[in-house]
Amino acid sequence: MELNKCSRCGAFFTSNDVVCPNCEAQERLELSKLKDFLAENNVPTTSVEQISCSTGIAEKNVIRFLSQGEIN
């Protein structure tokens, strides 16, 4: 295991994950919410800002989920 910085809150933690244990539940919830939104609104022209406003997920986290390939 290595020392990592949480992508959500910035805390340092020891794990191979991208978020700390305190942020795991919120991470799963937001990822699920984003997947549901994209499944229901299959609009390729939807902006990150529109997704963020519709889901309540911070733009930085929407971008992170999409860039990490979390959405299938």
Protein backbone atom coordinates (compact mmCIF):
# COMPACT_ATOMS: atom_id res chain seq x y z
CA MET A 1 0.00 0.00 0.00
CA GLU A 2 1.07 3.53 -0.60
CA LEU A 3 0.27 6.94 0.78
CA ASN A 4 -2.37 8.66 -1.36
CA LYS A 5 -4.22 11.95 -1.32
CA CYS A 6 -8.02 11.66 -1.45
CA SER A 7 -9.46 12.96 -4.71
CA ARG A 8 -12.52 14.26 -2.88
CA CYS A 9 -11.38 15.83 0.41
CA GLY A 10 -7.60 16.02 0.07
CA ALA A 11 -6.86 13.93 3.18
CA PHE A 12 -3.88 11.60 3.11
CA PHE A 13 -4.54 7.90 3.62
CA THR A 14 -2.90 4.53 3.08
CA SER A 15 -4.59 2.45 0.40
CA ASN A 16 -4.65 1.79 -3.31
CA ASP A 17 -8.00 3.57 -3.69
CA VAL A 18 -8.48 7.11 -5.03
CA VAL A 19 -10.68 8.25 -2.13
CA CYS A 20 -10.19 7.92 1.61
CA PRO A 21 -12.37 5.61 3.73
CA ASN A 22 -14.38 8.62 4.96
CA CYS A 23 -15.39 9.51 1.39
CA GLU A 24 -16.12 6.01 0.05
CA ALA A 25 -19.88 6.06 0.69
CA GLN A 26 -20.34 9.48 -0.93
CA GLU A 27 -18.20 8.36 -3.87
CA ARG A 28 -20.38 5.29 -4.49
CA LEU A 29 -23.57 7.34 -4.14
CA GLU A 30 -22.46 10.00 -6.62
CA LEU A 31 -21.14 7.45 -9.10
CA SER A 32 -24.47 5.63 -8.99
CA LYS A 33 -26.36 8.91 -9.40
CA LEU A 34 -24.20 9.84 -12.40
CA LYS A 35 -24.69 6.45 -14.05
CA ASP A 36 -28.46 6.72 -13.58
CA PHE A 37 -28.51 10.24 -15.00
CA LEU A 38 -26.51 9.25 -18.08
CA ALA A 39 -28.68 6.17 -18.67
CA GLU A 40 -31.86 8.25 -18.51
CA ASN A 41 -30.52 11.24 -20.43
CA ASN A 42 -28.54 9.78 -23.28
CA VAL A 43 -27.68 13.17 -24.75
CA PRO A 44 -24.12 13.36 -26.07
CA THR A 45 -24.20 17.15 -26.03
CA THR A 46 -24.91 17.47 -22.30
CA SER A 47 -22.18 19.56 -20.70
CA VAL A 48 -20.38 18.79 -17.47
CA GLU A 49 -22.00 21.90 -16.00
CA GLN A 50 -25.49 20.64 -16.95
CA ILE A 51 -24.75 17.21 -15.46
CA SER A 52 -23.47 18.83 -12.27
CA CYS A 53 -26.55 21.06 -11.92
CA SER A 54 -28.94 18.17 -12.60
CA THR A 55 -27.29 15.66 -10.25
CA GLY A 56 -25.78 17.85 -7.55
CA ILE A 57 -22.36 16.27 -8.17
CA ALA A 58 -19.45 18.72 -8.23
CA GLU A 59 -18.06 19.35 -11.71
CA LYS A 60 -14.59 18.20 -10.64
CA ASN A 61 -16.04 14.84 -9.58
CA VAL A 62 -18.06 14.44 -12.80
CA ILE A 63 -14.89 15.07 -14.78
CA ARG A 64 -12.92 12.66 -12.59
CA PHE A 65 -15.51 9.87 -12.97
CA LEU A 66 -15.60 10.30 -16.73
CA SER A 67 -11.83 10.54 -17.15
CA GLN A 68 -11.17 7.48 -14.98
CA GLY A 69 -13.50 5.40 -17.13
CA GLU A 70 -15.87 4.77 -14.22
CA ILE A 71 -18.88 5.01 -16.52
CA ASN A 72 -19.58 2.00 -18.71
